[in-house]
Amino acid sequence: MSSYYAAVDLHSNQSVLVLIDEKDQTVWKGRLNNDLELVLLALAPYREQVAGVAVESTYNWYWLVDGLREAGYEVELVNPAAVKKYEGLKHTDDVSDAYWLAHLMRLGILPTGYIYPRERRGLRDLARKRLRLVSQQTSHILSLESLYNRCLSQRLRASQVGQVEPEQLEDPYWAQAARSSQHILESLRAEIHLIEEQLKAVLQSDQQYQILQTIPGVGEVLSFTIWLETGDLKRFSKVGNYASYCRCVGSEKTSNQKKKGEGNRKNGNKYLAWAWQEAAAGAIRWQTKARSFYQSKKAKKGAWVAHKALAHKLCRAGYFMLRDQVEYSSVRLFG
């Protein structure tokens, strides 16, 4: 019995499904609404012959990948950034895109991504929600500080924005704007605190979570962010791959020892990039050897390069700590 290879070009409201055989001949193709039952119904006649289903990694892949796996299909999550189509093609559409993914799967060269375990995905996304709320909180704090500075030439600290009296602003509309920001900030702080308590309650007995907190300057928030975003460490073949995923390595293209350009500097996990940068800031503040390393680099390369170098060093240390289940050692890291 010949095998079939399926691929889905996933969009916000519809998807294109293509099945090909071992000779790259199209067996079935069609456009479907984003409904798991419709996708399973289309695959059902070929159920025993489908060797795998490739699903494009878009923002809304959860429902489809989880549903197909529960139905017993082998699923590959495609990394779109690594899929290169033949540049000479004059015409492409959703069908040709899905066909190409199925073709690469058949050849065994489909660039794939990591399917984060479903049972922990909610925790990770909750941690990401916290970061978004913190970003919104910062935005409202800056807005309120700007309002008082603009209207009263009064500079506020972040700790003061919840204590000021909007009635100080003579204009009633300015006062209402200030009250609105204060109410939103109060709500954001409550939600952020609630999320943090939920995450800490679930992870408090997790050994990996506790190990990361042995790094000076890494507290509970950075610890659960790093651990949840890292996921299964086995998906990284070596420490360099992990550092690259954390955006802690340089991105450049060289030829004959000359720089010819840069690659995609944003390729990787932005949450881990933020976390290790914050860890570096904490290490500079709380650890003598880390501060000495930073100051030495800063004198030669500047503050930004020095900070990135320290983040890279801590990132690599974090990899080995999680892999080997050992606590942080400044001696092993800095000598």
C-alpha atoms as a PDB file:
ATOM      1  CA  MET A   1       0.000   0.000   0.000  1.00  0.00           C
ATOM      2  CA  SER A   2       1.459   3.359  -1.047  1.00  0.00           C
ATOM      3  CA  SER A   3       1.796   6.195   1.443  1.00  0.00           C
ATOM      4  CA  TYR A   4       0.202   9.613   1.178  1.00  0.00           C
ATOM      5  CA  TYR A   5       1.590  12.879   2.518  1.00  0.00           C
ATOM      6  CA  ALA A   6      -0.738  15.655   3.633  1.00  0.00           C
ATOM      7  CA  ALA A   7      -0.063  19.320   4.244  1.00  0.00           C
ATOM      8  CA  VAL A   8      -2.200  22.184   5.453  1.00  0.00           C
ATOM      9  CA  ASP A   9      -1.674  25.829   4.508  1.00  0.00           C
ATOM     10  CA  LEU A  10      -3.310  27.371   7.554  1.00  0.00           C
ATOM     11  CA  HIS A  11      -4.989  30.793   7.587  1.00  0.00           C
ATOM     12  CA  SER A  12      -7.160  32.686  10.051  1.00  0.00           C
ATOM     13  CA  ASN A  13     -10.536  31.425   8.825  1.00  0.00           C
ATOM     14  CA  GLN A  14      -9.802  28.844   6.134  1.00  0.00           C
ATOM     15  CA  SER A  15      -7.188  26.234   5.284  1.00  0.00           C
ATOM     16  CA  VAL A  16      -6.030  24.481   2.142  1.00  0.00           C
ATOM     17  CA  LEU A  17      -5.414  20.745   2.434  1.00  0.00           C
ATOM     18  CA  VAL A  18      -3.372  18.836  -0.148  1.00  0.00           C
ATOM     19  CA  LEU A  19      -2.551  15.111  -0.273  1.00  0.00           C
ATOM     20  CA  ILE A  20       0.114  13.706  -2.572  1.00  0.00           C
ATOM     21  CA  ASP A  21       1.334  10.177  -3.229  1.00  0.00           C
ATOM     22  CA  GLU A  22       4.870   8.797  -3.402  1.00  0.00           C
ATOM     23  CA  LYS A  23       5.216  10.048  -6.990  1.00  0.00           C
ATOM     24  CA  ASP A  24       4.243  13.617  -6.070  1.00  0.00           C
ATOM     25  CA  GLN A  25       0.864  13.239  -7.735  1.00  0.00           C
ATOM     26  CA  THR A  26      -1.980  15.134  -6.107  1.00  0.00           C
ATOM     27  CA  VAL A  27      -4.508  12.732  -4.601  1.00  0.00           C
ATOM     28  CA  TRP A  28      -6.824  15.321  -3.047  1.00  0.00           C
ATOM     29  CA  LYS A  29      -6.908  19.089  -2.630  1.00  0.00           C
ATOM     30  CA  GLY A  30      -9.463  21.504  -1.314  1.00  0.00           C
ATOM     31  CA  ARG A  31     -10.184  24.616   0.703  1.00  0.00           C
ATOM     32  CA  LEU A  32     -11.891  24.070   4.058  1.00  0.00           C
ATOM     33  CA  ASN A  33     -13.249  26.276   6.786  1.00  0.00           C
ATOM     34  CA  ASN A  34     -11.221  26.091   9.985  1.00  0.00           C
ATOM     35  CA  ASP A  35     -13.211  23.275  11.523  1.00  0.00           C
ATOM     36  CA  LEU A  36     -11.481  20.170  12.843  1.00  0.00           C
ATOM     37  CA  GLU A  37     -14.385  17.915  11.849  1.00  0.00           C
ATOM     38  CA  LEU A  38     -14.140  19.071   8.223  1.00  0.00           C
ATOM     39  CA  VAL A  39     -10.395  18.387   8.123  1.00  0.00           C
ATOM     40  CA  LEU A  40     -10.799  14.924   9.644  1.00  0.00           C
ATOM     41  CA  LEU A  41     -13.655  14.168   7.253  1.00  0.00           C
ATOM     42  CA  ALA A  42     -11.484  15.081   4.262  1.00  0.00           C
ATOM     43  CA  LEU A  43      -8.646  12.844   5.507  1.00  0.00           C
ATOM     44  CA  ALA A  44     -10.888   9.934   6.535  1.00  0.00           C
ATOM     45  CA  PRO A  45     -10.942   8.058   3.157  1.00  0.00           C
ATOM     46  CA  TYR A  46      -7.122   7.959   3.186  1.00  0.00           C
ATOM     47  CA  ARG A  47      -6.685   7.383   6.912  1.00  0.00           C
ATOM     48  CA  GLU A  48      -4.624   4.196   6.696  1.00  0.00           C
ATOM     49  CA  GLN A  49      -2.315   5.569   3.992  1.00  0.00           C
ATOM     50  CA  VAL A  50      -1.496   8.990   5.457  1.00  0.00           C
ATOM     51  CA  ALA A  51       2.138   8.855   6.607  1.00  0.00           C
ATOM     52  CA  GLY A  52       2.014  12.317   8.130  1.00  0.00           C
ATOM     53  CA  VAL A  53       0.414  15.733   8.095  1.00  0.00           C
ATOM     54  CA  ALA A  54       2.455  18.939   7.826  1.00  0.00           C
ATOM     55  CA  VAL A  55       0.850  21.985   9.426  1.00  0.00           C
ATOM     56  CA  GLU A  56       2.222  25.473   8.910  1.00  0.00           C
ATOM     57  CA  SER A  57       3.237  27.112  12.192  1.00  0.00           C
ATOM     58  CA  THR A  58       0.981  30.145  12.266  1.00  0.00           C
ATOM     59  CA  TYR A  59      -0.414  31.954  15.303  1.00  0.00           C
ATOM     60  CA  ASN A  60      -3.479  29.666  15.407  1.00  0.00           C
ATOM     61  CA  TRP A  61      -2.071  26.157  15.020  1.00  0.00           C
ATOM     62  CA  TYR A  62      -3.035  24.752  18.446  1.00  0.00           C
ATOM     63  CA  TRP A  63      -6.510  23.485  17.605  1.00  0.00           C
ATOM     64  CA  LEU A  64      -5.475  21.745  14.387  1.00  0.00           C
ATOM     65  CA  VAL A  65      -2.246  20.104  15.587  1.00  0.00           C
ATOM     66  CA  ASP A  66      -3.816  18.912  18.843  1.00  0.00           C
ATOM     67  CA  GLY A  67      -6.914  17.625  17.058  1.00  0.00           C
ATOM     68  CA  LEU A  68      -4.962  15.709  14.415  1.00  0.00           C
ATOM     69  CA  ARG A  69      -2.682  14.140  17.008  1.00  0.00           C
ATOM     70  CA  GLU A  70      -5.632  13.065  19.115  1.00  0.00           C
ATOM     71  CA  ALA A  71      -7.094  11.452  15.997  1.00  0.00           C
ATOM     72  CA  GLY A  72      -3.909   9.401  15.637  1.00  0.00           C
ATOM     73  CA  TYR A  73      -2.132  11.242  12.831  1.00  0.00           C
ATOM     74  CA  GLU A  74       1.610  11.912  12.786  1.00  0.00           C
ATOM     75  CA  VAL A  75       1.909  15.698  12.688  1.00  0.00           C
ATOM     76  CA  GLU A  76       4.876  17.884  11.747  1.00  0.00           C
ATOM     77  CA  LEU A  77       4.810  21.563  12.687  1.00  0.00           C
ATOM     78  CA  VAL A  78       6.463  23.448   9.843  1.00  0.00           C
ATOM     79  CA  ASN A  79       8.937  26.271  10.421  1.00  0.00           C
ATOM     80  CA  PRO A  80       7.862  28.761   7.699  1.00  0.00           C
ATOM     81  CA  ALA A  81      11.007  30.879   8.045  1.00  0.00           C
ATOM     82  CA  ALA A  82      13.151  27.921   6.964  1.00  0.00           C
ATOM     83  CA  VAL A  83      11.025  26.850   3.974  1.00  0.00           C
ATOM     84  CA  LYS A  84      12.565  28.120   0.745  1.00  0.00           C
ATOM     85  CA  LYS A  85      10.560  27.816  -2.443  1.00  0.00           C
ATOM     86  CA  TYR A  86      12.045  27.923  -5.932  1.00  0.00           C
ATOM     87  CA  GLU A  87      12.451  31.641  -6.670  1.00  0.00           C
ATOM     88  CA  GLY A  88      11.859  31.252 -10.414  1.00  0.00           C
ATOM     89  CA  LEU A  89       8.185  30.333 -10.017  1.00  0.00           C
ATOM     90  CA  LYS A  90       5.880  32.843 -11.696  1.00  0.00           C
ATOM     91  CA  HIS A  91       2.742  31.840  -9.860  1.00  0.00           C
ATOM     92  CA  THR A  92       2.085  30.553  -6.373  1.00  0.00           C
ATOM     93  CA  ASP A  93      -1.073  30.218  -4.323  1.00  0.00           C
ATOM     94  CA  ASP A  94      -2.311  28.398  -1.238  1.00  0.00           C
ATOM     95  CA  VAL A  95      -2.586  25.097  -3.095  1.00  0.00           C
ATOM     96  CA  SER A  96       0.981  25.259  -4.406  1.00  0.00           C
ATOM     97  CA  ASP A  97       2.219  26.249  -0.926  1.00  0.00           C
ATOM     98  CA  ALA A  98       0.530  23.249   0.686  1.00  0.00           C
ATOM     99  CA  TYR A  99       1.756  20.989  -2.119  1.00  0.00           C
ATOM    100  CA  TRP A 100       5.326  22.158  -1.532  1.00  0.00           C
ATOM    101  CA  LEU A 101       5.123  21.326   2.168  1.00  0.00           C
ATOM    102  CA  ALA A 102       3.802  17.850   1.378  1.00  0.00           C
ATOM    103  CA  HIS A 103       6.586  17.399  -1.184  1.00  0.00           C
ATOM    104  CA  LEU A 104       9.277  18.342   1.362  1.00  0.00           C
ATOM    105  CA  MET A 105       7.737  15.957   3.880  1.00  0.00           C
ATOM    106  CA  ARG A 106       7.862  13.141   1.355  1.00  0.00           C
ATOM    107  CA  LEU A 107      11.555  13.832   0.726  1.00  0.00           C
ATOM    108  CA  GLY A 108      12.263  13.951   4.471  1.00  0.00           C
ATOM    109  CA  ILE A 109      13.680  17.489   4.358  1.00  0.00           C
ATOM    110  CA  LEU A 110      10.768  19.442   5.819  1.00  0.00           C
ATOM    111  CA  PRO A 111      12.009  22.129   8.255  1.00  0.00           C
ATOM    112  CA  THR A 112      10.055  21.537  11.433  1.00  0.00           C
ATOM    113  CA  GLY A 113       9.514  23.313  14.727  1.00  0.00           C
ATOM    114  CA  TYR A 114       8.931  22.159  18.271  1.00  0.00           C
ATOM    115  CA  ILE A 115       5.419  21.176  19.299  1.00  0.00           C
ATOM    116  CA  TYR A 116       5.254  22.404  22.873  1.00  0.00           C
ATOM    117  CA  PRO A 117       3.529  19.813  25.096  1.00  0.00           C
ATOM    118  CA  ARG A 118      -0.158  20.555  25.400  1.00  0.00           C
ATOM    119  CA  GLU A 119      -0.258  19.936  29.164  1.00  0.00           C
ATOM    120  CA  ARG A 120       2.230  22.778  29.841  1.00  0.00           C
ATOM    121  CA  ARG A 121       1.304  25.093  26.991  1.00  0.00           C
ATOM    122  CA  GLY A 122      -1.311  26.882  29.069  1.00  0.00           C
ATOM    123  CA  LEU A 123       1.257  27.679  31.777  1.00  0.00           C
ATOM    124  CA  ARG A 124       3.673  29.085  29.222  1.00  0.00           C
ATOM    125  CA  ASP A 125       0.983  31.207  27.593  1.00  0.00           C
ATOM    126  CA  LEU A 126      -0.112  32.476  31.002  1.00  0.00           C
ATOM    127  CA  ALA A 127       3.466  33.626  31.655  1.00  0.00           C
ATOM    128  CA  ARG A 128       3.414  35.391  28.293  1.00  0.00           C
ATOM    129  CA  LYS A 129       0.143  37.067  29.199  1.00  0.00           C
ATOM    130  CA  ARG A 130       1.824  38.400  32.339  1.00  0.00           C
ATOM    131  CA  LEU A 131       4.559  40.010  30.241  1.00  0.00           C
ATOM    132  CA  ARG A 132       1.957  41.691  28.033  1.00  0.00           C
ATOM    133  CA  LEU A 133       0.151  43.042  31.095  1.00  0.00           C
ATOM    134  CA  VAL A 134       3.441  44.331  32.502  1.00  0.00           C
ATOM    135  CA  SER A 135       4.095  46.083  29.181  1.00  0.00           C
ATOM    136  CA  GLN A 136       0.657  47.711  29.341  1.00  0.00           C
ATOM    137  CA  GLN A 137       1.308  48.698  32.948  1.00  0.00           C
ATOM    138  CA  THR A 138       4.538  50.421  31.940  1.00  0.00           C
ATOM    139  CA  SER A 139       2.731  52.235  29.131  1.00  0.00           C
ATOM    140  CA  HIS A 140       0.104  53.654  31.514  1.00  0.00           C
ATOM    141  CA  ILE A 141       2.747  54.648  34.079  1.00  0.00           C
ATOM    142  CA  LEU A 142       4.655  56.588  31.432  1.00  0.00           C
ATOM    143  CA  SER A 143       1.443  58.176  30.196  1.00  0.00           C
ATOM    144  CA  LEU A 144       0.550  59.362  33.689  1.00  0.00           C
ATOM    145  CA  GLU A 145       4.067  60.641  34.341  1.00  0.00           C
ATOM    146  CA  SER A 146       3.970  62.524  31.050  1.00  0.00           C
ATOM    147  CA  LEU A 147       0.594  64.081  31.889  1.00  0.00           C
ATOM    148  CA  TYR A 148       1.802  65.519  35.208  1.00  0.00           C
ATOM    149  CA  ASN A 149       5.058  66.678  33.706  1.00  0.00           C
ATOM    150  CA  ARG A 150       3.240  68.345  30.814  1.00  0.00           C
ATOM    151  CA  CYS A 151       0.571  70.043  32.891  1.00  0.00           C
ATOM    152  CA  LEU A 152       2.299  70.792  36.204  1.00  0.00           C
ATOM    153  CA  SER A 153       6.014  70.423  35.375  1.00  0.00           C
ATOM    154  CA  GLN A 154       5.978  67.775  38.104  1.00  0.00           C
ATOM    155  CA  ARG A 155       8.199  64.736  37.730  1.00  0.00           C
ATOM    156  CA  LEU A 156       6.770  61.552  39.187  1.00  0.00           C
ATOM    157  CA  ARG A 157       8.452  58.316  40.079  1.00  0.00           C
ATOM    158  CA  ALA A 158       6.815  55.059  39.111  1.00  0.00           C
ATOM    159  CA  SER A 159       6.052  54.398  42.796  1.00  0.00           C
ATOM    160  CA  GLN A 160       4.155  57.689  43.061  1.00  0.00           C
ATOM    161  CA  VAL A 161       1.684  57.364  40.192  1.00  0.00           C
ATOM    162  CA  GLY A 162      -0.884  55.549  42.328  1.00  0.00           C
ATOM    163  CA  GLN A 163      -0.648  58.085  45.159  1.00  0.00           C
ATOM    164  CA  VAL A 164      -1.078  61.392  43.321  1.00  0.00           C
ATOM    165  CA  GLU A 165      -4.419  63.196  43.448  1.00  0.00           C
ATOM    166  CA  PRO A 166      -5.925  63.821  40.000  1.00  0.00           C
ATOM    167  CA  GLU A 167      -7.660  66.918  41.427  1.00  0.00           C
ATOM    168  CA  GLN A 168      -4.243  68.588  41.379  1.00  0.00           C
ATOM    169  CA  LEU A 169      -4.787  68.950  37.665  1.00  0.00           C
ATOM    170  CA  GLU A 170      -6.946  72.067  37.226  1.00  0.00           C
ATOM    171  CA  ASP A 171      -8.632  70.932  34.040  1.00  0.00           C
ATOM    172  CA  PRO A 172     -11.402  68.335  34.759  1.00  0.00           C
ATOM    173  CA  TYR A 173     -10.582  66.453  31.569  1.00  0.00           C
ATOM    174  CA  TRP A 174      -6.954  66.074  32.597  1.00  0.00           C
ATOM    175  CA  ALA A 175      -8.131  64.868  35.998  1.00  0.00           C
ATOM    176  CA  GLN A 176     -10.377  62.277  34.362  1.00  0.00           C
ATOM    177  CA  ALA A 177      -7.500  61.085  32.175  1.00  0.00           C
ATOM    178  CA  ALA A 178      -5.354  60.660  35.298  1.00  0.00           C
ATOM    179  CA  ARG A 179      -8.096  58.760  37.145  1.00  0.00           C
ATOM    180  CA  SER A 180      -8.562  56.457  34.153  1.00  0.00           C
ATOM    181  CA  SER A 181      -4.866  55.576  34.144  1.00  0.00           C
ATOM    182  CA  GLN A 182      -4.894  54.965  37.901  1.00  0.00           C
ATOM    183  CA  HIS A 183      -7.911  52.650  37.680  1.00  0.00           C
ATOM    184  CA  ILE A 184      -6.352  50.684  34.853  1.00  0.00           C
ATOM    185  CA  LEU A 185      -3.060  50.416  36.723  1.00  0.00           C
ATOM    186  CA  GLU A 186      -4.825  49.111  39.816  1.00  0.00           C
ATOM    187  CA  SER A 187      -6.549  46.443  37.767  1.00  0.00           C
ATOM    188  CA  LEU A 188      -3.353  45.492  35.927  1.00  0.00           C
ATOM    189  CA  ARG A 189      -1.394  45.129  39.163  1.00  0.00           C
ATOM    190  CA  ALA A 190      -4.056  42.853  40.611  1.00  0.00           C
ATOM    191  CA  GLU A 191      -4.092  40.631  37.528  1.00  0.00           C
ATOM    192  CA  ILE A 192      -0.294  40.469  37.336  1.00  0.00           C
ATOM    193  CA  HIS A 193      -0.093  39.476  41.009  1.00  0.00           C
ATOM    194  CA  LEU A 194      -2.771  36.809  40.522  1.00  0.00           C
ATOM    195  CA  ILE A 195      -0.943  35.300  37.532  1.00  0.00           C
ATOM    196  CA  GLU A 196       2.372  35.268  39.378  1.00  0.00           C
ATOM    197  CA  GLU A 197       0.841  33.489  42.361  1.00  0.00           C
ATOM    198  CA  GLN A 198      -0.784  30.884  40.108  1.00  0.00           C
ATOM    199  CA  LEU A 199       2.465  30.154  38.278  1.00  0.00           C
ATOM    200  CA  LYS A 200       4.524  29.967  41.457  1.00  0.00           C
ATOM    201  CA  ALA A 201       1.995  27.645  43.099  1.00  0.00           C
ATOM    202  CA  VAL A 202       2.236  25.194  40.191  1.00  0.00           C
ATOM    203  CA  LEU A 203       6.010  25.355  39.748  1.00  0.00           C
ATOM    204  CA  GLN A 204       7.231  25.699  43.337  1.00  0.00           C
ATOM    205  CA  SER A 205       8.102  21.997  43.592  1.00  0.00           C
ATOM    206  CA  ASP A 206       9.711  21.870  40.121  1.00  0.00           C
ATOM    207  CA  GLN A 207      13.438  21.202  40.443  1.00  0.00           C
ATOM    208  CA  GLN A 208      14.343  23.039  37.232  1.00  0.00           C
ATOM    209  CA  TYR A 209      12.487  26.117  38.449  1.00  0.00           C
ATOM    210  CA  GLN A 210      14.397  26.037  41.728  1.00  0.00           C
ATOM    211  CA  ILE A 211      17.785  25.467  40.077  1.00  0.00           C
ATOM    212  CA  LEU A 212      17.451  28.591  37.923  1.00  0.00           C
ATOM    213  CA  GLN A 213      16.864  30.703  41.031  1.00  0.00           C
ATOM    214  CA  THR A 214      20.381  29.906  42.242  1.00  0.00           C
ATOM    215  CA  ILE A 215      21.686  32.352  39.610  1.00  0.00           C
ATOM    216  CA  PRO A 216      22.280  35.706  41.369  1.00  0.00           C
ATOM    217  CA  GLY A 217      19.694  38.203  40.156  1.00  0.00           C
ATOM    218  CA  VAL A 218      17.269  35.556  38.848  1.00  0.00           C
ATOM    219  CA  GLY A 219      14.119  35.534  40.930  1.00  0.00           C
ATOM    220  CA  GLU A 220      10.831  33.711  40.646  1.00  0.00           C
ATOM    221  CA  VAL A 221       9.543  35.618  37.609  1.00  0.00           C
ATOM    222  CA  LEU A 222      12.660  35.168  35.491  1.00  0.00           C
ATOM    223  CA  SER A 223      12.943  31.569  36.633  1.00  0.00           C
ATOM    224  CA  PHE A 224       9.472  30.505  35.510  1.00  0.00           C
ATOM    225  CA  THR A 225       9.810  32.514  32.287  1.00  0.00           C
ATOM    226  CA  ILE A 226      13.090  30.824  31.336  1.00  0.00           C
ATOM    227  CA  TRP A 227      11.931  27.338  32.291  1.00  0.00           C
ATOM    228  CA  LEU A 228       8.551  27.523  30.579  1.00  0.00           C
ATOM    229  CA  GLU A 229       9.946  29.060  27.398  1.00  0.00           C
ATOM    230  CA  THR A 230      12.846  26.600  27.205  1.00  0.00           C
ATOM    231  CA  GLY A 231      10.661  23.507  27.329  1.00  0.00           C
ATOM    232  CA  ASP A 232      12.322  20.175  26.579  1.00  0.00           C
ATOM    233  CA  LEU A 233      16.067  20.811  26.569  1.00  0.00           C
ATOM    234  CA  LYS A 234      16.627  17.723  24.407  1.00  0.00           C
ATOM    235  CA  ARG A 235      15.352  19.609  21.376  1.00  0.00           C
ATOM    236  CA  PHE A 236      18.642  21.546  21.373  1.00  0.00           C
ATOM    237  CA  SER A 237      21.494  19.359  20.131  1.00  0.00           C
ATOM    238  CA  LYS A 238      24.139  21.556  21.772  1.00  0.00           C
ATOM    239  CA  VAL A 239      24.494  24.666  23.890  1.00  0.00           C
ATOM    240  CA  GLY A 240      25.119  26.877  20.847  1.00  0.00           C
ATOM    241  CA  ASN A 241      21.699  26.029  19.457  1.00  0.00           C
ATOM    242  CA  TYR A 242      20.086  27.050  22.721  1.00  0.00           C
ATOM    243  CA  ALA A 243      22.046  30.325  22.857  1.00  0.00           C
ATOM    244  CA  SER A 244      20.988  31.078  19.281  1.00  0.00           C
ATOM    245  CA  TYR A 245      17.355  30.325  20.135  1.00  0.00           C
ATOM    246  CA  CYS A 246      17.660  32.797  23.021  1.00  0.00           C
ATOM    247  CA  ARG A 247      19.013  35.458  20.605  1.00  0.00           C
ATOM    248  CA  CYS A 248      22.242  35.623  22.589  1.00  0.00           C
ATOM    249  CA  VAL A 249      24.609  35.190  19.640  1.00  0.00           C
ATOM    250  CA  GLY A 250      25.605  37.540  16.858  1.00  0.00           C
ATOM    251  CA  SER A 251      24.021  37.392  13.420  1.00  0.00           C
ATOM    252  CA  GLU A 252      26.286  38.103  10.484  1.00  0.00           C
ATOM    253  CA  LYS A 253      27.363  36.691   7.153  1.00  0.00           C
ATOM    254  CA  THR A 254      31.053  36.647   6.263  1.00  0.00           C
ATOM    255  CA  SER A 255      33.043  35.690   3.206  1.00  0.00           C
ATOM    256  CA  ASN A 256      36.835  35.759   2.898  1.00  0.00           C
ATOM    257  CA  GLN A 257      36.950  37.144   6.453  1.00  0.00           C
ATOM    258  CA  LYS A 258      34.813  40.126   5.444  1.00  0.00           C
ATOM    259  CA  LYS A 259      31.339  40.960   6.665  1.00  0.00           C
ATOM    260  CA  LYS A 260      28.805  40.625   3.844  1.00  0.00           C
ATOM    261  CA  GLY A 261      25.618  41.326   5.752  1.00  0.00           C
ATOM    262  CA  GLU A 262      23.485  40.126   8.612  1.00  0.00           C
ATOM    263  CA  GLY A 263      21.007  37.344   9.109  1.00  0.00           C
ATOM    264  CA  ASN A 264      17.653  37.503  10.849  1.00  0.00           C
ATOM    265  CA  ARG A 265      18.522  38.877  14.281  1.00  0.00           C
ATOM    266  CA  LYS A 266      14.960  38.328  15.483  1.00  0.00           C
ATOM    267  CA  ASN A 267      15.053  34.622  14.718  1.00  0.00           C
ATOM    268  CA  GLY A 268      14.508  32.910  18.051  1.00  0.00           C
ATOM    269  CA  ASN A 269      12.465  33.316  21.202  1.00  0.00           C
ATOM    270  CA  LYS A 270      11.905  36.947  22.203  1.00  0.00           C
ATOM    271  CA  TYR A 271      10.782  35.991  25.712  1.00  0.00           C
ATOM    272  CA  LEU A 272      13.996  34.098  26.433  1.00  0.00           C
ATOM    273  CA  ALA A 273      16.000  36.958  24.919  1.00  0.00           C
ATOM    274  CA  TRP A 274      14.324  39.354  27.362  1.00  0.00           C
ATOM    275  CA  ALA A 275      14.757  36.995  30.312  1.00  0.00           C
ATOM    276  CA  TRP A 276      18.493  36.463  29.868  1.00  0.00           C
ATOM    277  CA  GLN A 277      19.050  40.190  29.333  1.00  0.00           C
ATOM    278  CA  GLU A 278      17.256  40.818  32.621  1.00  0.00           C
ATOM    279  CA  ALA A 279      19.309  38.066  34.264  1.00  0.00           C
ATOM    280  CA  ALA A 280      22.482  39.831  33.102  1.00  0.00           C
ATOM    281  CA  ALA A 281      21.278  43.111  34.613  1.00  0.00           C
ATOM    282  CA  GLY A 282      20.622  41.351  37.904  1.00  0.00           C
ATOM    283  CA  ALA A 283      24.004  39.613  37.864  1.00  0.00           C
ATOM    284  CA  ILE A 284      25.804  42.927  37.336  1.00  0.00           C
ATOM    285  CA  ARG A 285      24.047  44.266  40.384  1.00  0.00           C
ATOM    286  CA  TRP A 286      24.339  41.303  42.727  1.00  0.00           C
ATOM    287  CA  GLN A 287      27.477  39.395  41.789  1.00  0.00           C
ATOM    288  CA  THR A 288      31.046  40.680  41.969  1.00  0.00           C
ATOM    289  CA  LYS A 289      32.556  38.380  39.336  1.00  0.00           C
ATOM    290  CA  ALA A 290      29.755  39.088  36.867  1.00  0.00           C
ATOM    291  CA  ARG A 291      30.202  42.817  37.431  1.00  0.00           C
ATOM    292  CA  SER A 292      33.951  42.543  36.850  1.00  0.00           C
ATOM    293  CA  PHE A 293      33.355  40.592  33.634  1.00  0.00           C
ATOM    294  CA  TYR A 294      30.886  43.238  32.454  1.00  0.00           C
ATOM    295  CA  GLN A 295      33.181  46.159  33.279  1.00  0.00           C
ATOM    296  CA  SER A 296      36.117  44.529  31.509  1.00  0.00           C
ATOM    297  CA  LYS A 297      34.061  43.981  28.360  1.00  0.00           C
ATOM    298  CA  LYS A 298      32.558  47.443  28.601  1.00  0.00           C
ATOM    299  CA  ALA A 299      35.997  49.091  28.620  1.00  0.00           C
ATOM    300  CA  LYS A 300      36.887  47.301  25.376  1.00  0.00           C
ATOM    301  CA  LYS A 301      33.618  47.013  23.455  1.00  0.00           C
ATOM    302  CA  GLY A 302      31.076  49.343  25.065  1.00  0.00           C
ATOM    303  CA  ALA A 303      28.131  48.833  27.398  1.00  0.00           C
ATOM    304  CA  TRP A 304      25.732  47.184  24.950  1.00  0.00           C
ATOM    305  CA  VAL A 305      28.198  44.553  23.742  1.00  0.00           C
ATOM    306  CA  ALA A 306      29.289  43.889  27.334  1.00  0.00           C
ATOM    307  CA  HIS A 307      25.690  43.364  28.460  1.00  0.00           C
ATOM    308  CA  LYS A 308      25.012  40.989  25.546  1.00  0.00           C
ATOM    309  CA  ALA A 309      28.209  39.077  26.288  1.00  0.00           C
ATOM    310  CA  LEU A 310      27.202  38.565  29.913  1.00  0.00           C
ATOM    311  CA  ALA A 311      23.689  37.484  28.885  1.00  0.00           C
ATOM    312  CA  HIS A 312      25.252  34.969  26.497  1.00  0.00           C
ATOM    313  CA  LYS A 313      27.494  33.620  29.245  1.00  0.00           C
ATOM    314  CA  LEU A 314      24.590  33.234  31.681  1.00  0.00           C
ATOM    315  CA  CYS A 315      22.452  31.657  28.969  1.00  0.00           C
ATOM    316  CA  ARG A 316      25.075  28.992  28.344  1.00  0.00           C
ATOM    317  CA  ALA A 317      25.409  28.404  32.083  1.00  0.00           C
ATOM    318  CA  GLY A 318      21.631  28.031  32.341  1.00  0.00           C
ATOM    319  CA  TYR A 319      21.666  25.387  29.627  1.00  0.00           C
ATOM    320  CA  PHE A 320      24.197  23.220  31.474  1.00  0.00           C
ATOM    321  CA  MET A 321      22.462  23.799  34.823  1.00  0.00           C
ATOM    322  CA  LEU A 322      19.177  22.514  33.426  1.00  0.00           C
ATOM    323  CA  ARG A 323      20.811  19.678  31.512  1.00  0.00           C
ATOM    324  CA  ASP A 324      22.965  18.408  34.378  1.00  0.00           C
ATOM    325  CA  GLN A 325      20.634  19.360  37.253  1.00  0.00           C
ATOM    326  CA  VAL A 326      23.297  21.404  39.045  1.00  0.00           C
ATOM    327  CA  GLU A 327      23.180  24.738  40.833  1.00  0.00           C
ATOM    328  CA  TYR A 328      24.900  27.889  39.679  1.00  0.00           C
ATOM    329  CA  SER A 329      28.646  28.240  40.277  1.00  0.00           C
ATOM    330  CA  SER A 330      30.400  31.550  39.660  1.00  0.00           C
ATOM    331  CA  VAL A 331      33.773  29.757  39.846  1.00  0.00           C
ATOM    332  CA  ARG A 332      32.906  27.439  36.982  1.00  0.00           C
ATOM    333  CA  LEU A 333      31.461  30.302  34.942  1.00  0.00           C
ATOM    334  CA  PHE A 334      34.054  33.022  35.455  1.00  0.00           C
ATOM    335  CA  GLY A 335      37.041  31.053  36.780  1.00  0.00           C
END
